[in-house]
């Protein structure tokens, strides 16, 4: 666990509502941050998928997909064998 001390400047009304709703506790802030991190990761994934879909390349054949899967598995096995 990391301990951080933050100072946040909020409008008075927002600060009161956040406090009244229990959003200024460590647990609530952790949950909010985790949700935002996950949302941003999903946004990046969908943006990458959109860029990929926009490419004018033919889809992989089943054999090519299987070859890519096997190559990834071999790379993962090699990494574990090296202690990685």
N, C-alpha and C. Protein backbone atom coordinates (compact mmCIF):
# COMPACT_ATOMS: atom_id res chain seq x y z
N UNK A 1 0.83 -1.19 0.00
CA UNK A 1 0.00 0.00 0.00
C UNK A 1 0.87 1.24 0.00
N UNK A 2 0.44 2.22 -0.72
CA UNK A 2 1.12 3.51 -0.74
C UNK A 2 0.26 4.50 0.05
N UNK A 3 0.92 5.38 0.76
CA UNK A 3 0.21 6.41 1.49
C UNK A 3 0.46 7.74 0.79
N UNK A 4 -0.60 8.37 0.36
CA UNK A 4 -0.52 9.65 -0.32
C UNK A 4 -1.36 10.66 0.45
N UNK A 5 -0.89 11.86 0.51
CA UNK A 5 -1.68 12.93 1.10
C UNK A 5 -2.03 13.89 -0.03
N UNK A 6 -3.33 14.06 -0.23
CA UNK A 6 -3.80 14.89 -1.33
C UNK A 6 -4.53 16.11 -0.79
N UNK A 7 -4.38 17.19 -1.49
CA UNK A 7 -5.19 18.37 -1.23
C UNK A 7 -5.99 18.63 -2.49
N UNK A 8 -7.30 18.64 -2.34
CA UNK A 8 -8.19 18.81 -3.48
C UNK A 8 -9.02 20.06 -3.25
N UNK A 9 -9.08 20.90 -4.24
CA UNK A 9 -9.89 22.10 -4.16
C UNK A 9 -11.17 21.85 -4.93
N UNK A 10 -12.29 21.89 -4.22
CA UNK A 10 -13.60 21.63 -4.82
C UNK A 10 -14.55 22.76 -4.48
N UNK A 11 -15.54 22.96 -5.33
CA UNK A 11 -16.59 23.89 -4.93
C UNK A 11 -17.23 23.41 -3.62
N UNK A 12 -17.63 24.35 -2.79
CA UNK A 12 -18.16 24.02 -1.46
C UNK A 12 -19.29 23.01 -1.53
N UNK A 13 -20.22 23.22 -2.45
CA UNK A 13 -21.37 22.30 -2.56
C UNK A 13 -20.95 20.89 -2.92
N UNK A 14 -20.02 20.78 -3.84
CA UNK A 14 -19.54 19.45 -4.25
C UNK A 14 -18.84 18.78 -3.08
N UNK A 15 -18.02 19.52 -2.36
CA UNK A 15 -17.31 18.96 -1.21
C UNK A 15 -18.30 18.46 -0.16
N UNK A 16 -19.33 19.26 0.12
CA UNK A 16 -20.33 18.85 1.13
C UNK A 16 -21.06 17.59 0.68
N UNK A 17 -21.50 17.57 -0.57
CA UNK A 17 -22.23 16.40 -1.09
C UNK A 17 -21.34 15.16 -1.11
N UNK A 18 -20.10 15.32 -1.54
CA UNK A 18 -19.19 14.18 -1.58
C UNK A 18 -18.97 13.63 -0.18
N UNK A 19 -18.78 14.51 0.77
CA UNK A 19 -18.57 14.07 2.15
C UNK A 19 -19.84 13.41 2.69
N UNK A 20 -21.00 14.01 2.45
CA UNK A 20 -22.27 13.47 2.93
C UNK A 20 -22.55 12.09 2.33
N UNK A 21 -22.06 11.85 1.12
CA UNK A 21 -22.27 10.56 0.45
C UNK A 21 -21.14 9.58 0.69
N UNK A 22 -20.21 9.93 1.58
CA UNK A 22 -19.13 9.02 1.92
C UNK A 22 -18.09 8.83 0.84
N UNK A 23 -17.98 9.80 -0.05
CA UNK A 23 -17.05 9.66 -1.18
C UNK A 23 -15.64 10.14 -0.87
N UNK A 24 -15.42 10.70 0.29
CA UNK A 24 -14.09 11.22 0.60
C UNK A 24 -13.30 10.30 1.52
N UNK A 25 -13.74 9.06 1.67
CA UNK A 25 -13.00 8.08 2.46
C UNK A 25 -11.97 7.39 1.57
N UNK A 26 -10.98 6.80 2.18
CA UNK A 26 -9.96 6.08 1.41
C UNK A 26 -10.58 4.98 0.57
N UNK A 27 -11.51 4.21 1.16
CA UNK A 27 -12.13 3.11 0.42
C UNK A 27 -12.93 3.62 -0.78
N UNK A 28 -13.69 4.69 -0.57
CA UNK A 28 -14.51 5.23 -1.66
C UNK A 28 -13.63 5.80 -2.76
N UNK A 29 -12.59 6.52 -2.37
CA UNK A 29 -11.68 7.09 -3.38
C UNK A 29 -10.97 5.99 -4.14
N UNK A 30 -10.56 4.93 -3.45
CA UNK A 30 -9.92 3.81 -4.14
C UNK A 30 -10.88 3.21 -5.17
N UNK A 31 -12.12 2.99 -4.77
CA UNK A 31 -13.12 2.41 -5.66
C UNK A 31 -13.34 3.32 -6.88
N UNK A 32 -13.48 4.63 -6.64
CA UNK A 32 -13.66 5.58 -7.74
C UNK A 32 -12.47 5.58 -8.69
N UNK A 33 -11.27 5.56 -8.13
CA UNK A 33 -10.07 5.57 -8.97
C UNK A 33 -9.96 4.28 -9.77
N UNK A 34 -10.23 3.14 -9.13
CA UNK A 34 -10.18 1.86 -9.86
C UNK A 34 -11.19 1.84 -11.01
N UNK A 35 -12.40 2.33 -10.75
CA UNK A 35 -13.41 2.38 -11.80
C UNK A 35 -12.97 3.28 -12.95
N UNK A 36 -12.37 4.41 -12.64
CA UNK A 36 -11.91 5.32 -13.69
C UNK A 36 -10.75 4.71 -14.48
N UNK A 37 -9.84 4.05 -13.78
CA UNK A 37 -8.72 3.38 -14.47
C UNK A 37 -9.27 2.33 -15.43
N UNK A 38 -10.21 1.52 -14.95
CA UNK A 38 -10.81 0.48 -15.79
C UNK A 38 -11.53 1.11 -16.99
N UNK A 39 -12.27 2.20 -16.77
CA UNK A 39 -12.98 2.86 -17.86
C UNK A 39 -12.00 3.38 -18.91
N UNK A 40 -10.90 3.96 -18.46
CA UNK A 40 -9.91 4.49 -19.42
C UNK A 40 -9.24 3.36 -20.19
N UNK A 41 -8.99 2.23 -19.52
CA UNK A 41 -8.41 1.08 -20.22
C UNK A 41 -9.37 0.59 -21.30
N UNK A 42 -10.66 0.52 -20.96
CA UNK A 42 -11.65 0.10 -21.94
C UNK A 42 -11.73 1.08 -23.09
N UNK A 43 -11.67 2.37 -22.79
CA UNK A 43 -11.69 3.38 -23.85
C UNK A 43 -10.51 3.20 -24.80
N UNK A 44 -9.32 2.94 -24.24
CA UNK A 44 -8.13 2.72 -25.08
C UNK A 44 -8.29 1.47 -25.93
N UNK A 45 -8.86 0.41 -25.34
CA UNK A 45 -9.07 -0.83 -26.08
C UNK A 45 -10.03 -0.61 -27.24
N UNK A 46 -11.14 0.08 -26.98
CA UNK A 46 -12.11 0.33 -28.05
C UNK A 46 -11.53 1.26 -29.11
N UNK A 47 -10.74 2.23 -28.70
CA UNK A 47 -10.10 3.13 -29.68
C UNK A 47 -9.14 2.33 -30.57
N UNK A 48 -8.40 1.42 -29.96
CA UNK A 48 -7.49 0.58 -30.75
C UNK A 48 -8.28 -0.32 -31.69
N UNK A 49 -9.39 -0.86 -31.21
CA UNK A 49 -10.23 -1.70 -32.07
C UNK A 49 -10.79 -0.89 -33.24
N UNK A 50 -11.19 0.35 -32.97
CA UNK A 50 -11.68 1.21 -34.05
C UNK A 50 -10.59 1.48 -35.09
N UNK A 51 -9.36 1.75 -34.59
CA UNK A 51 -8.25 1.99 -35.54
C UNK A 51 -7.97 0.73 -36.35
N UNK A 52 -8.02 -0.41 -35.71
CA UNK A 52 -7.78 -1.67 -36.40
C UNK A 52 -8.86 -1.93 -37.46
N UNK A 53 -10.11 -1.66 -37.08
CA UNK A 53 -11.22 -1.88 -38.02
C UNK A 53 -11.12 -0.94 -39.22
N UNK A 54 -10.52 0.23 -39.02
CA UNK A 54 -10.40 1.20 -40.11
C UNK A 54 -9.29 0.84 -41.09
N UNK A 55 -8.41 -0.07 -40.72
CA UNK A 55 -7.32 -0.47 -41.62
C UNK A 55 -7.90 -1.25 -42.79
N UNK A 56 -7.32 -1.04 -43.94
CA UNK A 56 -7.79 -1.74 -45.13
C UNK A 56 -6.92 -2.97 -45.37
N UNK A 57 -7.05 -3.94 -44.47
CA UNK A 57 -6.29 -5.18 -44.61
C UNK A 57 -7.27 -6.36 -44.53
N UNK A 58 -6.97 -7.41 -45.25
CA UNK A 58 -7.88 -8.57 -45.21
C UNK A 58 -7.80 -9.26 -43.84
N UNK A 59 -8.88 -9.87 -43.40
CA UNK A 59 -8.86 -10.58 -42.12
C UNK A 59 -7.93 -11.79 -42.20
N UNK A 60 -7.44 -12.21 -41.04
CA UNK A 60 -6.57 -13.37 -40.99
C UNK A 60 -7.37 -14.64 -41.28
N UNK A 61 -6.71 -15.58 -41.89
CA UNK A 61 -7.34 -16.89 -42.10
C UNK A 61 -7.29 -17.64 -40.77
N UNK A 62 -8.04 -18.71 -40.68
CA UNK A 62 -8.03 -19.54 -39.47
C UNK A 62 -6.62 -20.08 -39.20
N UNK A 63 -5.93 -20.46 -40.24
CA UNK A 63 -4.56 -20.97 -40.09
C UNK A 63 -3.63 -19.87 -39.55
N UNK A 64 -3.79 -18.65 -40.05
CA UNK A 64 -2.97 -17.54 -39.56
C UNK A 64 -3.27 -17.23 -38.09
N UNK A 65 -4.54 -17.28 -37.72
CA UNK A 65 -4.92 -17.05 -36.32
C UNK A 65 -4.28 -18.12 -35.43
N UNK A 66 -4.38 -19.37 -35.85
CA UNK A 66 -3.79 -20.46 -35.07
C UNK A 66 -2.28 -20.32 -34.96
N UNK A 67 -1.64 -19.88 -36.03
CA UNK A 67 -0.19 -19.68 -36.00
C UNK A 67 0.17 -18.56 -35.03
N UNK A 68 -0.62 -17.49 -35.00
CA UNK A 68 -0.37 -16.39 -34.06
C UNK A 68 -0.55 -16.85 -32.61
N UNK A 69 -1.57 -17.65 -32.37
CA UNK A 69 -1.82 -18.18 -31.02
C UNK A 69 -0.65 -19.05 -30.58
N UNK A 70 -0.21 -19.92 -31.46
CA UNK A 70 0.92 -20.80 -31.12
C UNK A 70 2.19 -20.00 -30.87
N UNK A 71 2.43 -18.97 -31.67
CA UNK A 71 3.61 -18.13 -31.48
C UNK A 71 3.55 -17.42 -30.13
N UNK A 72 2.38 -16.93 -29.75
CA UNK A 72 2.23 -16.25 -28.46
C UNK A 72 2.45 -17.24 -27.32
N UNK A 73 1.91 -18.44 -27.46
CA UNK A 73 2.10 -19.46 -26.41
C UNK A 73 3.57 -19.83 -26.29
N UNK A 74 4.25 -19.99 -27.41
CA UNK A 74 5.67 -20.34 -27.39
C UNK A 74 6.47 -19.22 -26.72
N UNK A 75 6.14 -17.99 -27.03
CA UNK A 75 6.82 -16.85 -26.42
C UNK A 75 6.60 -16.83 -24.91
N UNK A 76 5.38 -17.11 -24.49
CA UNK A 76 5.08 -17.14 -23.06
C UNK A 76 5.84 -18.27 -22.36
N UNK A 77 5.89 -19.44 -22.99
CA UNK A 77 6.63 -20.57 -22.42
C UNK A 77 8.12 -20.23 -22.31
N UNK A 78 8.66 -19.60 -23.35
CA UNK A 78 10.07 -19.23 -23.34
C UNK A 78 10.36 -18.22 -22.22
N UNK A 79 9.44 -17.30 -22.01
CA UNK A 79 9.60 -16.31 -20.94
C UNK A 79 9.60 -16.97 -19.57
N UNK A 80 8.72 -17.96 -19.38
CA UNK A 80 8.69 -18.67 -18.10
C UNK A 80 9.96 -19.49 -17.90
N UNK A 81 10.46 -20.07 -18.99
CA UNK A 81 11.69 -20.87 -18.90
C UNK A 81 12.89 -20.02 -18.52
N UNK A 82 12.86 -18.75 -18.95
CA UNK A 82 13.95 -17.82 -18.61
C UNK A 82 13.76 -17.24 -17.22
N UNK A 83 12.63 -17.56 -16.59
CA UNK A 83 12.37 -17.01 -15.26
C UNK A 83 11.62 -15.72 -15.30
N UNK A 84 11.03 -15.37 -16.44
CA UNK A 84 10.32 -14.11 -16.62
C UNK A 84 8.88 -14.23 -16.52
